[in-house]
Amino acid sequence: MPEHTLKQFDTELEEIRSRVLQMGGLVEQQITHALEALMGGNVTLARQVMENDHQVNALEVAIDEDCSTVIARRQPAAKDLRMVLTVVKTITDLERIGDEAAKIARMTRAIYESDRPTVPRTSEIQHVADIALSMLRSSLDAFARLDTTVAASVVRQDERVDKAFVSILRQLITFMMEDPRTISHAIEILFIAKAIERIGDHAKNISEYVVYLVKGKDVRHTSIEALEREALG
């Protein structure tokens, strides 16, 4: 392949990488706004998050089309092919994170537009959301800098999110057993907690793709210890 063609190919890949980070920034904003709406009872902001979900979807479609074009025209191999495959997988997870943000917004609207005067208990939700949001930011940073050390730390953090979700679930079950009138409210909070737990899962996936991109090894469905050996080795 001539040198000018190689440079053009590198430029195309870099543009795709930049658009992935742009999509990641939009998704991060969606989560932040959804949580602000929940904590502050801001139904207008919750509606805005739901309305903006189409922007995330549109970016996924556009980037996916760019990747298909690159594969058809450039027939990438080795690490370049891994980059394209990583992008395709990453934008799928980012789109699903966007869906979870919209779900939090929908539940927020349901809580505050109901006739029930109950104010949701949000301190535990805020704690687990902070961890999940940190995981997303770190996974995007790992993708931007091809940093497998950061990627490995994100995977390790997912355990904290899972444990926090189980703790919230136990609390909600206790509330529902003690006072059946709280069941509807508790279920709405449970949906929000589950959405946050799923955000952590998707951030973890993105970090695993970074390890695959850099090391050429698929570390999905392996132990954390095996992933860390591969990422840090």
C-alpha atoms as a PDB file:
ATOM      1  CA  MET A   1       0.000   0.000   0.000  1.00  0.00           C
ATOM      2  CA  PRO A   2       1.525   3.412  -1.014  1.00  0.00           C
ATOM      3  CA  GLU A   3       2.647   5.713   1.792  1.00  0.00           C
ATOM      4  CA  HIS A   4       0.030   8.401   1.069  1.00  0.00           C
ATOM      5  CA  THR A   5      -2.684   5.733   1.195  1.00  0.00           C
ATOM      6  CA  LEU A   6      -1.365   4.482   4.537  1.00  0.00           C
ATOM      7  CA  LYS A   7      -1.461   8.009   5.948  1.00  0.00           C
ATOM      8  CA  GLN A   8      -5.005   8.468   4.697  1.00  0.00           C
ATOM      9  CA  PHE A   9      -5.992   5.165   6.313  1.00  0.00           C
ATOM     10  CA  ASP A  10      -4.421   6.232   9.617  1.00  0.00           C
ATOM     11  CA  THR A  11      -6.368   9.503   9.411  1.00  0.00           C
ATOM     12  CA  GLU A  12      -9.619   7.631   8.817  1.00  0.00           C
ATOM     13  CA  LEU A  13      -9.010   5.378  11.827  1.00  0.00           C
ATOM     14  CA  GLU A  14      -8.151   8.350  14.006  1.00  0.00           C
ATOM     15  CA  GLU A  15     -11.350  10.132  12.970  1.00  0.00           C
ATOM     16  CA  ILE A  16     -13.355   7.046  13.893  1.00  0.00           C
ATOM     17  CA  ARG A  17     -11.626   6.859  17.280  1.00  0.00           C
ATOM     18  CA  SER A  18     -12.446  10.532  17.884  1.00  0.00           C
ATOM     19  CA  ARG A  19     -16.110   9.944  17.077  1.00  0.00           C
ATOM     20  CA  VAL A  20     -16.220   7.048  19.549  1.00  0.00           C
ATOM     21  CA  LEU A  21     -14.922   9.393  22.258  1.00  0.00           C
ATOM     22  CA  GLN A  22     -17.488  12.002  21.175  1.00  0.00           C
ATOM     23  CA  MET A  23     -20.209   9.368  21.590  1.00  0.00           C
ATOM     24  CA  GLY A  24     -18.751   8.419  24.961  1.00  0.00           C
ATOM     25  CA  GLY A  25     -18.899  12.034  26.096  1.00  0.00           C
ATOM     26  CA  LEU A  26     -22.542  12.290  25.065  1.00  0.00           C
ATOM     27  CA  VAL A  27     -23.422   9.081  26.901  1.00  0.00           C
ATOM     28  CA  GLU A  28     -21.592  10.285  30.018  1.00  0.00           C
ATOM     29  CA  GLN A  29     -23.597  13.522  29.868  1.00  0.00           C
ATOM     30  CA  GLN A  30     -26.830  11.533  29.537  1.00  0.00           C
ATOM     31  CA  ILE A  31     -26.052   9.547  32.698  1.00  0.00           C
ATOM     32  CA  THR A  32     -25.047  12.657  34.629  1.00  0.00           C
ATOM     33  CA  HIS A  33     -28.248  14.470  33.671  1.00  0.00           C
ATOM     34  CA  ALA A  34     -30.409  11.429  34.447  1.00  0.00           C
ATOM     35  CA  LEU A  35     -28.896  11.201  37.928  1.00  0.00           C
ATOM     36  CA  GLU A  36     -29.253  14.955  38.478  1.00  0.00           C
ATOM     37  CA  ALA A  37     -32.925  14.623  37.546  1.00  0.00           C
ATOM     38  CA  LEU A  38     -33.357  11.760  40.012  1.00  0.00           C
ATOM     39  CA  MET A  39     -31.572  13.443  42.914  1.00  0.00           C
ATOM     40  CA  GLY A  40     -33.264  16.805  42.372  1.00  0.00           C
ATOM     41  CA  GLY A  41     -36.710  15.665  41.281  1.00  0.00           C
ATOM     42  CA  ASN A  42     -36.234  17.493  37.972  1.00  0.00           C
ATOM     43  CA  VAL A  43     -38.858  15.982  35.657  1.00  0.00           C
ATOM     44  CA  THR A  44     -38.041  18.449  32.860  1.00  0.00           C
ATOM     45  CA  LEU A  45     -34.420  17.294  32.824  1.00  0.00           C
ATOM     46  CA  ALA A  46     -35.547  13.666  32.879  1.00  0.00           C
ATOM     47  CA  ARG A  47     -37.672  14.293  29.777  1.00  0.00           C
ATOM     48  CA  GLN A  48     -34.688  15.959  28.093  1.00  0.00           C
ATOM     49  CA  VAL A  49     -32.549  12.854  28.686  1.00  0.00           C
ATOM     50  CA  MET A  50     -35.233  10.677  27.122  1.00  0.00           C
ATOM     51  CA  GLU A  51     -35.560  12.978  24.112  1.00  0.00           C
ATOM     52  CA  ASN A  52     -31.781  13.103  23.558  1.00  0.00           C
ATOM     53  CA  ASP A  53     -31.416   9.319  23.414  1.00  0.00           C
ATOM     54  CA  HIS A  54     -31.880   9.442  19.621  1.00  0.00           C
ATOM     55  CA  GLN A  55     -28.583  11.368  19.342  1.00  0.00           C
ATOM     56  CA  VAL A  56     -26.716   8.443  20.888  1.00  0.00           C
ATOM     57  CA  ASN A  57     -28.459   6.018  18.536  1.00  0.00           C
ATOM     58  CA  ALA A  58     -27.631   8.167  15.504  1.00  0.00           C
ATOM     59  CA  LEU A  59     -23.937   8.254  16.422  1.00  0.00           C
ATOM     60  CA  GLU A  60     -23.844   4.477  16.763  1.00  0.00           C
ATOM     61  CA  VAL A  61     -25.333   4.033  13.287  1.00  0.00           C
ATOM     62  CA  ALA A  62     -22.968   6.597  11.722  1.00  0.00           C
ATOM     63  CA  ILE A  63     -19.809   5.150  13.291  1.00  0.00           C
ATOM     64  CA  ASP A  64     -20.875   1.611  12.407  1.00  0.00           C
ATOM     65  CA  GLU A  65     -21.307   2.678   8.776  1.00  0.00           C
ATOM     66  CA  ASP A  66     -17.825   4.257   8.825  1.00  0.00           C
ATOM     67  CA  CYS A  67     -16.359   0.989  10.107  1.00  0.00           C
ATOM     68  CA  SER A  68     -18.122  -1.013   7.383  1.00  0.00           C
ATOM     69  CA  THR A  69     -16.738   1.363   4.759  1.00  0.00           C
ATOM     70  CA  VAL A  70     -13.201   1.018   6.127  1.00  0.00           C
ATOM     71  CA  ILE A  71     -13.403  -2.777   6.093  1.00  0.00           C
ATOM     72  CA  ALA A  72     -14.735  -2.817   2.520  1.00  0.00           C
ATOM     73  CA  ARG A  73     -12.263  -0.283   1.116  1.00  0.00           C
ATOM     74  CA  ARG A  74      -9.108  -0.885   3.156  1.00  0.00           C
ATOM     75  CA  GLN A  75      -9.363  -4.559   4.141  1.00  0.00           C
ATOM     76  CA  PRO A  76      -7.464  -3.905   7.391  1.00  0.00           C
ATOM     77  CA  ALA A  77      -5.354  -6.609   9.001  1.00  0.00           C
ATOM     78  CA  ALA A  78      -3.726  -7.291  12.379  1.00  0.00           C
ATOM     79  CA  LYS A  79      -3.979  -4.375  14.830  1.00  0.00           C
ATOM     80  CA  ASP A  80      -5.883  -2.145  12.399  1.00  0.00           C
ATOM     81  CA  LEU A  81      -8.571  -4.810  12.087  1.00  0.00           C
ATOM     82  CA  ARG A  82      -8.645  -5.183  15.873  1.00  0.00           C
ATOM     83  CA  MET A  83      -9.172  -1.419  16.143  1.00  0.00           C
ATOM     84  CA  VAL A  84     -12.188  -1.526  13.822  1.00  0.00           C
ATOM     85  CA  LEU A  85     -13.668  -4.537  15.629  1.00  0.00           C
ATOM     86  CA  THR A  86     -13.070  -2.865  19.004  1.00  0.00           C
ATOM     87  CA  VAL A  87     -14.864   0.269  17.812  1.00  0.00           C
ATOM     88  CA  VAL A  88     -17.880  -1.730  16.602  1.00  0.00           C
ATOM     89  CA  LYS A  89     -18.151  -3.525  19.943  1.00  0.00           C
ATOM     90  CA  THR A  90     -17.528  -0.369  21.976  1.00  0.00           C
ATOM     91  CA  ILE A  91     -20.232   1.712  20.302  1.00  0.00           C
ATOM     92  CA  THR A  92     -22.723  -1.111  20.891  1.00  0.00           C
ATOM     93  CA  ASP A  93     -22.002  -0.950  24.616  1.00  0.00           C
ATOM     94  CA  LEU A  94     -22.132   2.855  24.602  1.00  0.00           C
ATOM     95  CA  GLU A  95     -25.545   2.760  22.918  1.00  0.00           C
ATOM     96  CA  ARG A  96     -26.781   0.374  25.587  1.00  0.00           C
ATOM     97  CA  ILE A  97     -25.428   2.631  28.317  1.00  0.00           C
ATOM     98  CA  GLY A  98     -27.429   5.427  26.694  1.00  0.00           C
ATOM     99  CA  ASP A  99     -30.505   3.210  26.915  1.00  0.00           C
ATOM    100  CA  GLU A 100     -29.881   2.699  30.644  1.00  0.00           C
ATOM    101  CA  ALA A 101     -29.607   6.473  31.158  1.00  0.00           C
ATOM    102  CA  ALA A 102     -32.962   6.896  29.394  1.00  0.00           C
ATOM    103  CA  LYS A 103     -34.397   4.165  31.632  1.00  0.00           C
ATOM    104  CA  ILE A 104     -33.244   6.032  34.763  1.00  0.00           C
ATOM    105  CA  ALA A 105     -34.920   9.152  33.359  1.00  0.00           C
ATOM    106  CA  ARG A 106     -38.179   7.261  32.715  1.00  0.00           C
ATOM    107  CA  MET A 107     -38.230   5.861  36.244  1.00  0.00           C
ATOM    108  CA  THR A 108     -37.462   9.326  37.640  1.00  0.00           C
ATOM    109  CA  ARG A 109     -40.430  10.765  35.804  1.00  0.00           C
ATOM    110  CA  ALA A 110     -42.648   7.947  37.061  1.00  0.00           C
ATOM    111  CA  ILE A 111     -41.542   8.540  40.665  1.00  0.00           C
ATOM    112  CA  TYR A 112     -42.051  12.302  40.725  1.00  0.00           C
ATOM    113  CA  GLU A 113     -45.193  12.424  38.585  1.00  0.00           C
ATOM    114  CA  SER A 114     -46.995   9.858  40.751  1.00  0.00           C
ATOM    115  CA  ASP A 115     -49.507  10.779  43.431  1.00  0.00           C
ATOM    116  CA  ARG A 116     -47.313   9.207  46.093  1.00  0.00           C
ATOM    117  CA  PRO A 117     -45.631  11.837  48.269  1.00  0.00           C
ATOM    118  CA  THR A 118     -42.671   9.545  49.012  1.00  0.00           C
ATOM    119  CA  VAL A 119     -39.279  11.069  48.267  1.00  0.00           C
ATOM    120  CA  PRO A 120     -36.921   8.359  46.970  1.00  0.00           C
ATOM    121  CA  ARG A 121     -33.995   7.252  49.099  1.00  0.00           C
ATOM    122  CA  THR A 122     -31.107   8.188  46.838  1.00  0.00           C
ATOM    123  CA  SER A 123     -27.951   8.099  48.977  1.00  0.00           C
ATOM    124  CA  GLU A 124     -27.173   4.448  48.166  1.00  0.00           C
ATOM    125  CA  ILE A 125     -28.071   5.044  44.520  1.00  0.00           C
ATOM    126  CA  GLN A 126     -25.693   8.024  44.386  1.00  0.00           C
ATOM    127  CA  HIS A 127     -22.856   5.904  45.810  1.00  0.00           C
ATOM    128  CA  VAL A 128     -23.138   3.106  43.251  1.00  0.00           C
ATOM    129  CA  ALA A 129     -23.758   5.621  40.437  1.00  0.00           C
ATOM    130  CA  ASP A 130     -20.519   7.437  41.288  1.00  0.00           C
ATOM    131  CA  ILE A 131     -18.602   4.160  40.911  1.00  0.00           C
ATOM    132  CA  ALA A 132     -20.309   3.236  37.626  1.00  0.00           C
ATOM    133  CA  LEU A 133     -19.753   6.708  36.161  1.00  0.00           C
ATOM    134  CA  SER A 134     -16.093   6.570  37.196  1.00  0.00           C
ATOM    135  CA  MET A 135     -15.806   3.198  35.457  1.00  0.00           C
ATOM    136  CA  LEU A 136     -17.224   4.637  32.238  1.00  0.00           C
ATOM    137  CA  ARG A 137     -14.856   7.615  32.300  1.00  0.00           C
ATOM    138  CA  SER A 138     -11.872   5.356  32.974  1.00  0.00           C
ATOM    139  CA  SER A 139     -12.842   2.881  30.242  1.00  0.00           C
ATOM    140  CA  LEU A 140     -13.060   5.734  27.711  1.00  0.00           C
ATOM    141  CA  ASP A 141      -9.700   7.044  28.946  1.00  0.00           C
ATOM    142  CA  ALA A 142      -8.226   3.556  28.529  1.00  0.00           C
ATOM    143  CA  PHE A 143      -9.596   3.457  24.971  1.00  0.00           C
ATOM    144  CA  ALA A 144      -8.238   6.918  24.159  1.00  0.00           C
ATOM    145  CA  ARG A 145      -4.743   6.156  25.486  1.00  0.00           C
ATOM    146  CA  LEU A 146      -4.707   2.387  24.783  1.00  0.00           C
ATOM    147  CA  ASP A 147      -3.918   1.933  28.485  1.00  0.00           C
ATOM    148  CA  THR A 148      -4.417  -1.670  29.606  1.00  0.00           C
ATOM    149  CA  THR A 149      -3.503  -0.832  33.211  1.00  0.00           C
ATOM    150  CA  VAL A 150      -6.475   1.520  33.490  1.00  0.00           C
ATOM    151  CA  ALA A 151      -8.629  -1.029  31.668  1.00  0.00           C
ATOM    152  CA  ALA A 152      -7.760  -3.697  34.240  1.00  0.00           C
ATOM    153  CA  SER A 153      -8.639  -1.361  37.126  1.00  0.00           C
ATOM    154  CA  VAL A 154     -12.105  -0.800  35.618  1.00  0.00           C
ATOM    155  CA  VAL A 155     -12.774  -4.534  35.498  1.00  0.00           C
ATOM    156  CA  ARG A 156     -11.789  -4.807  39.152  1.00  0.00           C
ATOM    157  CA  GLN A 157     -14.189  -1.978  40.076  1.00  0.00           C
ATOM    158  CA  ASP A 158     -17.127  -3.879  38.625  1.00  0.00           C
ATOM    159  CA  GLU A 159     -17.103  -6.097  41.726  1.00  0.00           C
ATOM    160  CA  ARG A 160     -17.863  -3.021  43.863  1.00  0.00           C
ATOM    161  CA  VAL A 161     -20.851  -2.120  41.717  1.00  0.00           C
ATOM    162  CA  ASP A 162     -22.218  -5.663  41.899  1.00  0.00           C
ATOM    163  CA  LYS A 163     -21.884  -5.743  45.695  1.00  0.00           C
ATOM    164  CA  ALA A 164     -23.539  -2.329  46.050  1.00  0.00           C
ATOM    165  CA  PHE A 165     -26.443  -3.470  43.875  1.00  0.00           C
ATOM    166  CA  VAL A 166     -26.989  -6.564  46.036  1.00  0.00           C
ATOM    167  CA  SER A 167     -26.961  -4.354  49.150  1.00  0.00           C
ATOM    168  CA  ILE A 168     -29.599  -2.034  47.647  1.00  0.00           C
ATOM    169  CA  LEU A 169     -31.709  -5.020  46.606  1.00  0.00           C
ATOM    170  CA  ARG A 170     -31.675  -6.400  50.162  1.00  0.00           C
ATOM    171  CA  GLN A 171     -32.696  -3.034  51.602  1.00  0.00           C
ATOM    172  CA  LEU A 172     -35.579  -2.710  49.151  1.00  0.00           C
ATOM    173  CA  ILE A 173     -36.825  -6.212  49.931  1.00  0.00           C
ATOM    174  CA  THR A 174     -36.797  -5.324  53.635  1.00  0.00           C
ATOM    175  CA  PHE A 175     -38.802  -2.137  52.995  1.00  0.00           C
ATOM    176  CA  MET A 176     -41.369  -4.016  50.918  1.00  0.00           C
ATOM    177  CA  MET A 177     -41.794  -6.715  53.565  1.00  0.00           C
ATOM    178  CA  GLU A 178     -42.176  -4.188  56.378  1.00  0.00           C
ATOM    179  CA  ASP A 179     -44.634  -1.959  54.489  1.00  0.00           C
ATOM    180  CA  PRO A 180     -46.391  -3.285  51.358  1.00  0.00           C
ATOM    181  CA  ARG A 181     -47.375   0.298  50.479  1.00  0.00           C
ATOM    182  CA  THR A 182     -43.739   0.887  49.458  1.00  0.00           C
ATOM    183  CA  ILE A 183     -43.716  -1.892  46.847  1.00  0.00           C
ATOM    184  CA  SER A 184     -44.399   0.273  43.771  1.00  0.00           C
ATOM    185  CA  HIS A 185     -41.840   2.840  44.840  1.00  0.00           C
ATOM    186  CA  ALA A 186     -39.262   0.179  45.733  1.00  0.00           C
ATOM    187  CA  ILE A 187     -39.626  -1.485  42.339  1.00  0.00           C
ATOM    188  CA  GLU A 188     -38.973   1.827  40.577  1.00  0.00           C
ATOM    189  CA  ILE A 189     -35.812   2.332  42.641  1.00  0.00           C
ATOM    190  CA  LEU A 190     -34.818  -1.265  41.898  1.00  0.00           C
ATOM    191  CA  PHE A 191     -35.087  -0.610  38.147  1.00  0.00           C
ATOM    192  CA  ILE A 192     -32.814   2.415  38.576  1.00  0.00           C
ATOM    193  CA  ALA A 193     -30.269   0.446  40.625  1.00  0.00           C
ATOM    194  CA  LYS A 194     -30.276  -2.320  38.006  1.00  0.00           C
ATOM    195  CA  ALA A 195     -29.736   0.224  35.230  1.00  0.00           C
ATOM    196  CA  ILE A 196     -26.685   1.563  37.062  1.00  0.00           C
ATOM    197  CA  GLU A 197     -25.380  -1.973  37.593  1.00  0.00           C
ATOM    198  CA  ARG A 198     -25.724  -2.583  33.844  1.00  0.00           C
ATOM    199  CA  ILE A 199     -23.815   0.643  33.104  1.00  0.00           C
ATOM    200  CA  GLY A 200     -20.947  -0.823  35.134  1.00  0.00           C
ATOM    201  CA  ASP A 201     -21.152  -4.052  33.132  1.00  0.00           C
ATOM    202  CA  HIS A 202     -20.947  -2.192  29.823  1.00  0.00           C
ATOM    203  CA  ALA A 203     -18.002  -0.080  31.043  1.00  0.00           C
ATOM    204  CA  LYS A 204     -16.271  -3.312  32.010  1.00  0.00           C
ATOM    205  CA  ASN A 205     -16.909  -4.685  28.507  1.00  0.00           C
ATOM    206  CA  ILE A 206     -15.311  -1.625  26.915  1.00  0.00           C
ATOM    207  CA  SER A 207     -12.209  -2.092  29.065  1.00  0.00           C
ATOM    208  CA  GLU A 208     -11.983  -5.739  28.045  1.00  0.00           C
ATOM    209  CA  TYR A 209     -12.057  -4.658  24.387  1.00  0.00           C
ATOM    210  CA  VAL A 210      -9.112  -2.328  25.077  1.00  0.00           C
ATOM    211  CA  VAL A 211      -7.068  -5.269  26.361  1.00  0.00           C
ATOM    212  CA  TYR A 212      -8.019  -7.216  23.224  1.00  0.00           C
ATOM    213  CA  LEU A 213      -7.014  -4.280  21.015  1.00  0.00           C
ATOM    214  CA  VAL A 214      -3.615  -3.778  22.612  1.00  0.00           C
ATOM    215  CA  LYS A 215      -2.665  -7.346  23.504  1.00  0.00           C
ATOM    216  CA  GLY A 216      -4.500  -9.276  20.796  1.00  0.00           C
ATOM    217  CA  LYS A 217      -6.048 -11.560  23.428  1.00  0.00           C
ATOM    218  CA  ASP A 218      -9.772 -11.986  24.039  1.00  0.00           C
ATOM    219  CA  VAL A 219     -10.130 -11.705  27.829  1.00  0.00           C
ATOM    220  CA  ARG A 220     -13.916 -11.912  28.016  1.00  0.00           C
ATOM    221  CA  HIS A 221     -15.279 -14.648  30.282  1.00  0.00           C
ATOM    222  CA  THR A 222     -11.931 -15.068  32.041  1.00  0.00           C
ATOM    223  CA  SER A 223     -11.140 -14.492  35.717  1.00  0.00           C
ATOM    224  CA  ILE A 224     -10.116 -11.034  36.874  1.00  0.00           C
ATOM    225  CA  GLU A 225      -6.721 -12.423  37.821  1.00  0.00           C
ATOM    226  CA  ALA A 226      -6.177 -13.831  34.308  1.00  0.00           C
ATOM    227  CA  LEU A 227      -7.238 -10.530  32.765  1.00  0.00           C
ATOM    228  CA  GLU A 228      -4.871  -8.573  35.002  1.00  0.00           C
ATOM    229  CA  ARG A 229      -1.965 -10.893  34.083  1.00  0.00           C
ATOM    230  CA  GLU A 230      -2.650 -10.288  30.409  1.00  0.00           C
ATOM    231  CA  ALA A 231      -3.224  -6.540  30.787  1.00  0.00           C
ATOM    232  CA  LEU A 232      -0.259  -5.845  33.041  1.00  0.00           C
ATOM    233  CA  GLY A 233       2.159  -8.364  31.538  1.00  0.00           C
END
